[in-house]
N, C-alpha and C. Protein backbone atom coordinates (compact mmCIF):
# COMPACT_ATOMS: atom_id res chain seq x y z
N MET A 1 -5.92 11.84 -21.26
CA MET A 1 -6.34 13.04 -20.57
C MET A 1 -7.44 12.69 -19.57
N ASN A 2 -7.41 13.31 -18.41
CA ASN A 2 -8.37 13.04 -17.34
C ASN A 2 -9.58 13.96 -17.51
N ASP A 3 -10.76 13.37 -17.52
CA ASP A 3 -12.00 14.14 -17.67
C ASP A 3 -12.64 14.49 -16.34
N ALA A 4 -11.88 14.41 -15.25
CA ALA A 4 -12.43 14.68 -13.93
C ALA A 4 -12.93 16.11 -13.84
N GLU A 5 -14.05 16.27 -13.20
CA GLU A 5 -14.66 17.58 -12.98
C GLU A 5 -14.60 17.91 -11.49
N PRO A 6 -14.52 19.20 -11.16
CA PRO A 6 -14.55 19.56 -9.75
C PRO A 6 -15.96 19.35 -9.18
N LEU A 7 -16.05 19.37 -7.89
CA LEU A 7 -17.36 19.30 -7.24
C LEU A 7 -18.21 20.47 -7.71
N ALA A 8 -19.50 20.27 -7.72
CA ALA A 8 -20.40 21.38 -8.01
C ALA A 8 -20.18 22.46 -6.96
N ARG A 9 -20.29 23.71 -7.35
CA ARG A 9 -19.99 24.82 -6.45
C ARG A 9 -20.84 24.78 -5.18
N GLU A 10 -22.12 24.49 -5.29
CA GLU A 10 -23.00 24.44 -4.13
C GLU A 10 -22.54 23.36 -3.15
N THR A 11 -22.18 22.20 -3.67
CA THR A 11 -21.69 21.12 -2.82
C THR A 11 -20.37 21.51 -2.18
N ALA A 12 -19.46 22.11 -2.95
CA ALA A 12 -18.17 22.55 -2.41
C ALA A 12 -18.37 23.59 -1.31
N ASP A 13 -19.30 24.51 -1.51
CA ASP A 13 -19.56 25.53 -0.49
C ASP A 13 -20.13 24.91 0.78
N THR A 14 -21.01 23.92 0.63
CA THR A 14 -21.56 23.24 1.80
C THR A 14 -20.46 22.52 2.56
N TYR A 15 -19.62 21.77 1.87
CA TYR A 15 -18.53 21.07 2.53
C TYR A 15 -17.57 22.05 3.20
N ALA A 16 -17.28 23.17 2.54
CA ALA A 16 -16.38 24.17 3.13
C ALA A 16 -16.97 24.71 4.43
N ALA A 17 -18.27 24.95 4.46
CA ALA A 17 -18.92 25.42 5.68
C ALA A 17 -18.82 24.36 6.78
N TRP A 18 -18.99 23.10 6.41
CA TRP A 18 -18.86 22.02 7.39
C TRP A 18 -17.44 21.98 7.95
N PHE A 19 -16.45 22.06 7.08
CA PHE A 19 -15.06 22.01 7.54
C PHE A 19 -14.75 23.20 8.44
N ARG A 20 -15.25 24.39 8.08
CA ARG A 20 -15.03 25.56 8.95
C ARG A 20 -15.66 25.34 10.31
N ALA A 21 -16.86 24.78 10.33
CA ALA A 21 -17.55 24.54 11.60
C ALA A 21 -16.77 23.57 12.48
N LEU A 22 -16.07 22.65 11.86
CA LEU A 22 -15.31 21.66 12.63
C LEU A 22 -13.84 22.04 12.81
N ALA A 23 -13.50 23.28 12.48
CA ALA A 23 -12.12 23.74 12.59
C ALA A 23 -11.79 24.24 13.99
N ASP A 24 -12.56 23.80 14.96
CA ASP A 24 -12.35 24.18 16.36
C ASP A 24 -12.47 22.93 17.22
N GLY A 25 -11.50 22.72 18.08
CA GLY A 25 -11.50 21.51 18.91
C GLY A 25 -12.71 21.37 19.80
N THR A 26 -13.20 22.47 20.35
CA THR A 26 -14.37 22.39 21.22
C THR A 26 -15.60 21.98 20.42
N ARG A 27 -15.75 22.52 19.22
CA ARG A 27 -16.90 22.12 18.40
C ARG A 27 -16.82 20.64 18.02
N VAL A 28 -15.63 20.15 17.76
CA VAL A 28 -15.46 18.72 17.48
C VAL A 28 -15.84 17.91 18.73
N GLN A 29 -15.46 18.39 19.91
CA GLN A 29 -15.84 17.70 21.14
C GLN A 29 -17.36 17.66 21.31
N VAL A 30 -18.02 18.78 21.03
CA VAL A 30 -19.48 18.85 21.17
C VAL A 30 -20.15 17.89 20.19
N VAL A 31 -19.71 17.89 18.94
CA VAL A 31 -20.27 16.97 17.94
C VAL A 31 -20.05 15.53 18.38
N SER A 32 -18.85 15.24 18.84
CA SER A 32 -18.52 13.89 19.30
C SER A 32 -19.40 13.48 20.48
N LEU A 33 -19.56 14.37 21.43
CA LEU A 33 -20.40 14.08 22.60
C LEU A 33 -21.83 13.79 22.19
N LEU A 34 -22.40 14.65 21.36
CA LEU A 34 -23.79 14.45 20.94
C LEU A 34 -23.95 13.17 20.12
N ALA A 35 -22.99 12.89 19.26
CA ALA A 35 -23.07 11.68 18.44
C ALA A 35 -22.93 10.42 19.29
N ARG A 36 -22.03 10.45 20.25
CA ARG A 36 -21.79 9.26 21.08
C ARG A 36 -22.90 9.02 22.09
N ARG A 37 -23.47 10.09 22.63
CA ARG A 37 -24.57 9.93 23.59
C ARG A 37 -25.82 9.41 22.90
N GLY A 38 -26.07 9.93 21.71
CA GLY A 38 -27.24 9.46 20.96
C GLY A 38 -28.57 9.97 21.46
N THR A 39 -28.55 10.82 22.48
CA THR A 39 -29.78 11.41 22.99
C THR A 39 -29.59 12.92 23.09
N PRO A 40 -30.67 13.68 22.99
CA PRO A 40 -30.55 15.13 23.10
C PRO A 40 -30.02 15.55 24.47
N LEU A 41 -29.22 16.62 24.48
CA LEU A 41 -28.64 17.13 25.72
C LEU A 41 -28.93 18.62 25.85
N THR A 42 -28.99 19.10 27.08
CA THR A 42 -29.13 20.52 27.33
C THR A 42 -27.75 21.17 27.31
N VAL A 43 -27.72 22.48 27.23
CA VAL A 43 -26.45 23.20 27.29
C VAL A 43 -25.74 22.86 28.60
N ARG A 44 -26.48 22.80 29.67
CA ARG A 44 -25.89 22.48 30.99
C ARG A 44 -25.19 21.12 30.96
N GLU A 45 -25.81 20.13 30.35
CA GLU A 45 -25.20 18.81 30.26
C GLU A 45 -23.94 18.83 29.38
N ILE A 46 -23.98 19.61 28.33
CA ILE A 46 -22.81 19.72 27.45
C ILE A 46 -21.68 20.43 28.18
N VAL A 47 -22.01 21.51 28.91
CA VAL A 47 -21.00 22.25 29.68
C VAL A 47 -20.34 21.35 30.71
N ALA A 48 -21.11 20.45 31.31
CA ALA A 48 -20.55 19.53 32.31
C ALA A 48 -19.54 18.58 31.70
N ALA A 49 -19.68 18.30 30.40
CA ALA A 49 -18.80 17.33 29.73
C ALA A 49 -17.63 17.99 29.00
N VAL A 50 -17.78 19.25 28.62
CA VAL A 50 -16.76 19.96 27.84
C VAL A 50 -16.23 21.10 28.70
N PRO A 51 -14.91 21.19 28.87
CA PRO A 51 -14.35 22.15 29.83
C PRO A 51 -14.31 23.61 29.35
N VAL A 52 -15.47 24.15 29.00
CA VAL A 52 -15.59 25.57 28.66
C VAL A 52 -16.88 26.10 29.26
N GLY A 53 -17.03 27.40 29.28
CA GLY A 53 -18.20 28.03 29.89
C GLY A 53 -19.46 27.90 29.06
N GLN A 54 -20.57 28.24 29.71
CA GLN A 54 -21.89 28.12 29.09
C GLN A 54 -22.02 29.00 27.86
N SER A 55 -21.55 30.24 27.93
CA SER A 55 -21.70 31.13 26.77
C SER A 55 -20.88 30.63 25.59
N THR A 56 -19.71 30.05 25.87
CA THR A 56 -18.87 29.51 24.79
C THR A 56 -19.55 28.30 24.15
N VAL A 57 -20.09 27.41 24.97
CA VAL A 57 -20.80 26.24 24.44
C VAL A 57 -22.00 26.69 23.61
N SER A 58 -22.74 27.68 24.10
CA SER A 58 -23.90 28.18 23.36
C SER A 58 -23.49 28.72 21.99
N GLU A 59 -22.39 29.46 21.93
CA GLU A 59 -21.92 29.99 20.66
C GLU A 59 -21.49 28.86 19.72
N HIS A 60 -20.81 27.87 20.25
CA HIS A 60 -20.41 26.73 19.42
C HIS A 60 -21.64 25.99 18.90
N LEU A 61 -22.63 25.81 19.72
CA LEU A 61 -23.86 25.15 19.28
C LEU A 61 -24.56 25.97 18.20
N ARG A 62 -24.54 27.28 18.34
CA ARG A 62 -25.14 28.14 17.32
C ARG A 62 -24.44 27.93 15.98
N GLN A 63 -23.11 27.88 16.00
CA GLN A 63 -22.35 27.69 14.76
C GLN A 63 -22.59 26.30 14.16
N LEU A 64 -22.66 25.30 15.00
CA LEU A 64 -22.91 23.94 14.52
C LEU A 64 -24.33 23.81 13.96
N ALA A 65 -25.28 24.48 14.58
CA ALA A 65 -26.66 24.45 14.08
C ALA A 65 -26.77 25.19 12.75
N ALA A 66 -25.98 26.24 12.58
CA ALA A 66 -26.05 27.03 11.35
C ALA A 66 -25.67 26.21 10.12
N VAL A 67 -24.81 25.21 10.28
CA VAL A 67 -24.43 24.37 9.14
C VAL A 67 -25.14 23.02 9.14
N GLY A 68 -25.99 22.80 10.12
CA GLY A 68 -26.80 21.60 10.12
C GLY A 68 -26.28 20.41 10.89
N PHE A 69 -25.12 20.52 11.54
CA PHE A 69 -24.60 19.38 12.30
C PHE A 69 -25.45 19.10 13.54
N VAL A 70 -26.00 20.15 14.11
CA VAL A 70 -26.75 20.04 15.36
C VAL A 70 -28.16 20.59 15.15
N LEU A 71 -29.12 19.90 15.72
CA LEU A 71 -30.51 20.35 15.68
C LEU A 71 -30.93 20.71 17.11
N ALA A 72 -31.70 21.79 17.23
CA ALA A 72 -32.18 22.22 18.54
C ALA A 72 -33.70 22.11 18.57
N GLU A 73 -34.19 21.72 19.73
CA GLU A 73 -35.64 21.66 19.89
C GLU A 73 -35.99 22.15 21.29
N ASP A 74 -37.02 22.96 21.35
CA ASP A 74 -37.49 23.45 22.65
C ASP A 74 -38.39 22.39 23.26
N ARG A 75 -38.12 22.09 24.52
CA ARG A 75 -38.95 21.14 25.25
C ARG A 75 -39.23 21.76 26.62
N GLY A 76 -40.43 22.27 26.76
CA GLY A 76 -40.77 22.98 27.99
C GLY A 76 -39.92 24.24 28.09
N THR A 77 -39.22 24.39 29.20
CA THR A 77 -38.36 25.56 29.39
C THR A 77 -36.92 25.28 28.98
N SER A 78 -36.67 24.10 28.48
CA SER A 78 -35.31 23.73 28.08
C SER A 78 -35.18 23.68 26.57
N ARG A 79 -33.97 23.85 26.12
CA ARG A 79 -33.65 23.65 24.71
C ARG A 79 -32.70 22.47 24.66
N LEU A 80 -33.07 21.47 23.87
CA LEU A 80 -32.26 20.26 23.74
C LEU A 80 -31.57 20.25 22.40
N TYR A 81 -30.33 19.77 22.41
CA TYR A 81 -29.52 19.70 21.20
C TYR A 81 -29.21 18.25 20.91
N ARG A 82 -29.30 17.92 19.62
CA ARG A 82 -28.97 16.56 19.19
C ARG A 82 -28.21 16.63 17.88
N ILE A 83 -27.52 15.56 17.60
CA ILE A 83 -26.76 15.48 16.34
C ILE A 83 -27.75 15.31 15.20
N ASN A 84 -27.46 15.89 14.07
CA ASN A 84 -28.28 15.72 12.88
C ASN A 84 -27.70 14.54 12.10
N GLU A 85 -28.33 13.40 12.25
CA GLU A 85 -27.83 12.17 11.62
C GLU A 85 -27.73 12.30 10.10
N GLU A 86 -28.66 13.01 9.47
CA GLU A 86 -28.63 13.17 8.01
C GLU A 86 -27.39 13.93 7.57
N CYS A 87 -27.03 14.96 8.33
CA CYS A 87 -25.85 15.75 7.99
C CYS A 87 -24.58 14.94 8.20
N VAL A 88 -24.50 14.29 9.33
CA VAL A 88 -23.31 13.50 9.65
C VAL A 88 -23.13 12.35 8.67
N LYS A 89 -24.23 11.76 8.26
CA LYS A 89 -24.18 10.66 7.29
C LYS A 89 -23.57 11.12 5.96
N CYS A 90 -23.80 12.37 5.61
CA CYS A 90 -23.30 12.90 4.34
C CYS A 90 -21.92 13.53 4.44
N PHE A 91 -21.41 13.67 5.64
CA PHE A 91 -20.14 14.36 5.81
C PHE A 91 -19.00 13.56 5.18
N PRO A 92 -18.37 14.12 4.17
CA PRO A 92 -17.29 13.38 3.53
C PRO A 92 -15.98 13.54 4.30
N THR A 93 -15.12 12.60 4.14
CA THR A 93 -13.80 12.76 4.75
C THR A 93 -12.96 13.65 3.85
N ALA A 94 -12.02 14.34 4.44
CA ALA A 94 -11.16 15.22 3.66
C ALA A 94 -10.41 14.42 2.60
N ALA A 95 -9.97 13.24 2.95
CA ALA A 95 -9.23 12.42 1.99
C ALA A 95 -10.10 12.06 0.79
N ASP A 96 -11.37 11.74 1.03
CA ASP A 96 -12.26 11.42 -0.08
C ASP A 96 -12.40 12.60 -1.03
N LEU A 97 -12.54 13.78 -0.48
CA LEU A 97 -12.67 14.96 -1.34
C LEU A 97 -11.39 15.22 -2.13
N VAL A 98 -10.27 15.18 -1.44
CA VAL A 98 -9.00 15.47 -2.11
C VAL A 98 -8.69 14.44 -3.18
N MET A 99 -8.96 13.18 -2.90
CA MET A 99 -8.62 12.11 -3.82
C MET A 99 -9.68 11.88 -4.90
N GLY A 100 -10.80 12.59 -4.81
CA GLY A 100 -11.84 12.44 -5.83
C GLY A 100 -12.64 11.17 -5.68
N ARG A 101 -12.60 10.57 -4.52
CA ARG A 101 -13.41 9.36 -4.29
C ARG A 101 -14.87 9.76 -4.14
N PRO A 102 -15.77 8.90 -4.52
CA PRO A 102 -17.19 9.24 -4.37
C PRO A 102 -17.54 9.49 -2.91
N SER A 103 -18.28 10.53 -2.70
CA SER A 103 -18.79 10.82 -1.36
C SER A 103 -20.23 11.26 -1.51
N PRO A 104 -21.02 11.01 -0.48
CA PRO A 104 -22.45 11.37 -0.59
C PRO A 104 -22.63 12.87 -0.81
N VAL A 105 -23.57 13.21 -1.64
CA VAL A 105 -23.91 14.61 -1.85
C VAL A 105 -24.87 15.00 -0.73
N PRO A 106 -24.62 16.13 -0.06
CA PRO A 106 -25.47 16.50 1.05
C PRO A 106 -26.90 16.80 0.60
N PRO A 107 -27.87 16.35 1.37
CA PRO A 107 -29.24 16.67 1.00
C PRO A 107 -29.47 18.16 1.15
N ALA A 108 -30.31 18.71 0.32
CA ALA A 108 -30.56 20.15 0.32
C ALA A 108 -31.26 20.60 1.60
N THR A 109 -31.86 19.67 2.32
CA THR A 109 -32.65 20.04 3.49
C THR A 109 -31.86 20.03 4.80
N VAL A 110 -30.55 19.80 4.77
CA VAL A 110 -29.80 19.69 6.02
C VAL A 110 -29.72 21.01 6.76
N ARG A 111 -29.73 22.08 6.08
CA ARG A 111 -29.59 23.38 6.75
C ARG A 111 -30.85 23.73 7.35
């Protein structure tokens, strides 16, 4: 008999929120852009790289920030967005979750 236990509910809820946040191609593009650039970007810079309008990018950034993938910081009159390395480091792959392979437990402070 297999003694495997499901993920703790809090961890499962966190992962579910992450998966929902990444269930949109534009949000995946934004995360990819921020991760690959490695430096904070303004909304204007993100809009220049992703083929959607400013209000759409702003809404996607809001959703990504809500789950901790993206961090925002005010610098002068600009708001800069960067990838949250701690969150991304803990992001499990879907296969790891489904197959029960060990995956990092997200730190409680990512949100």
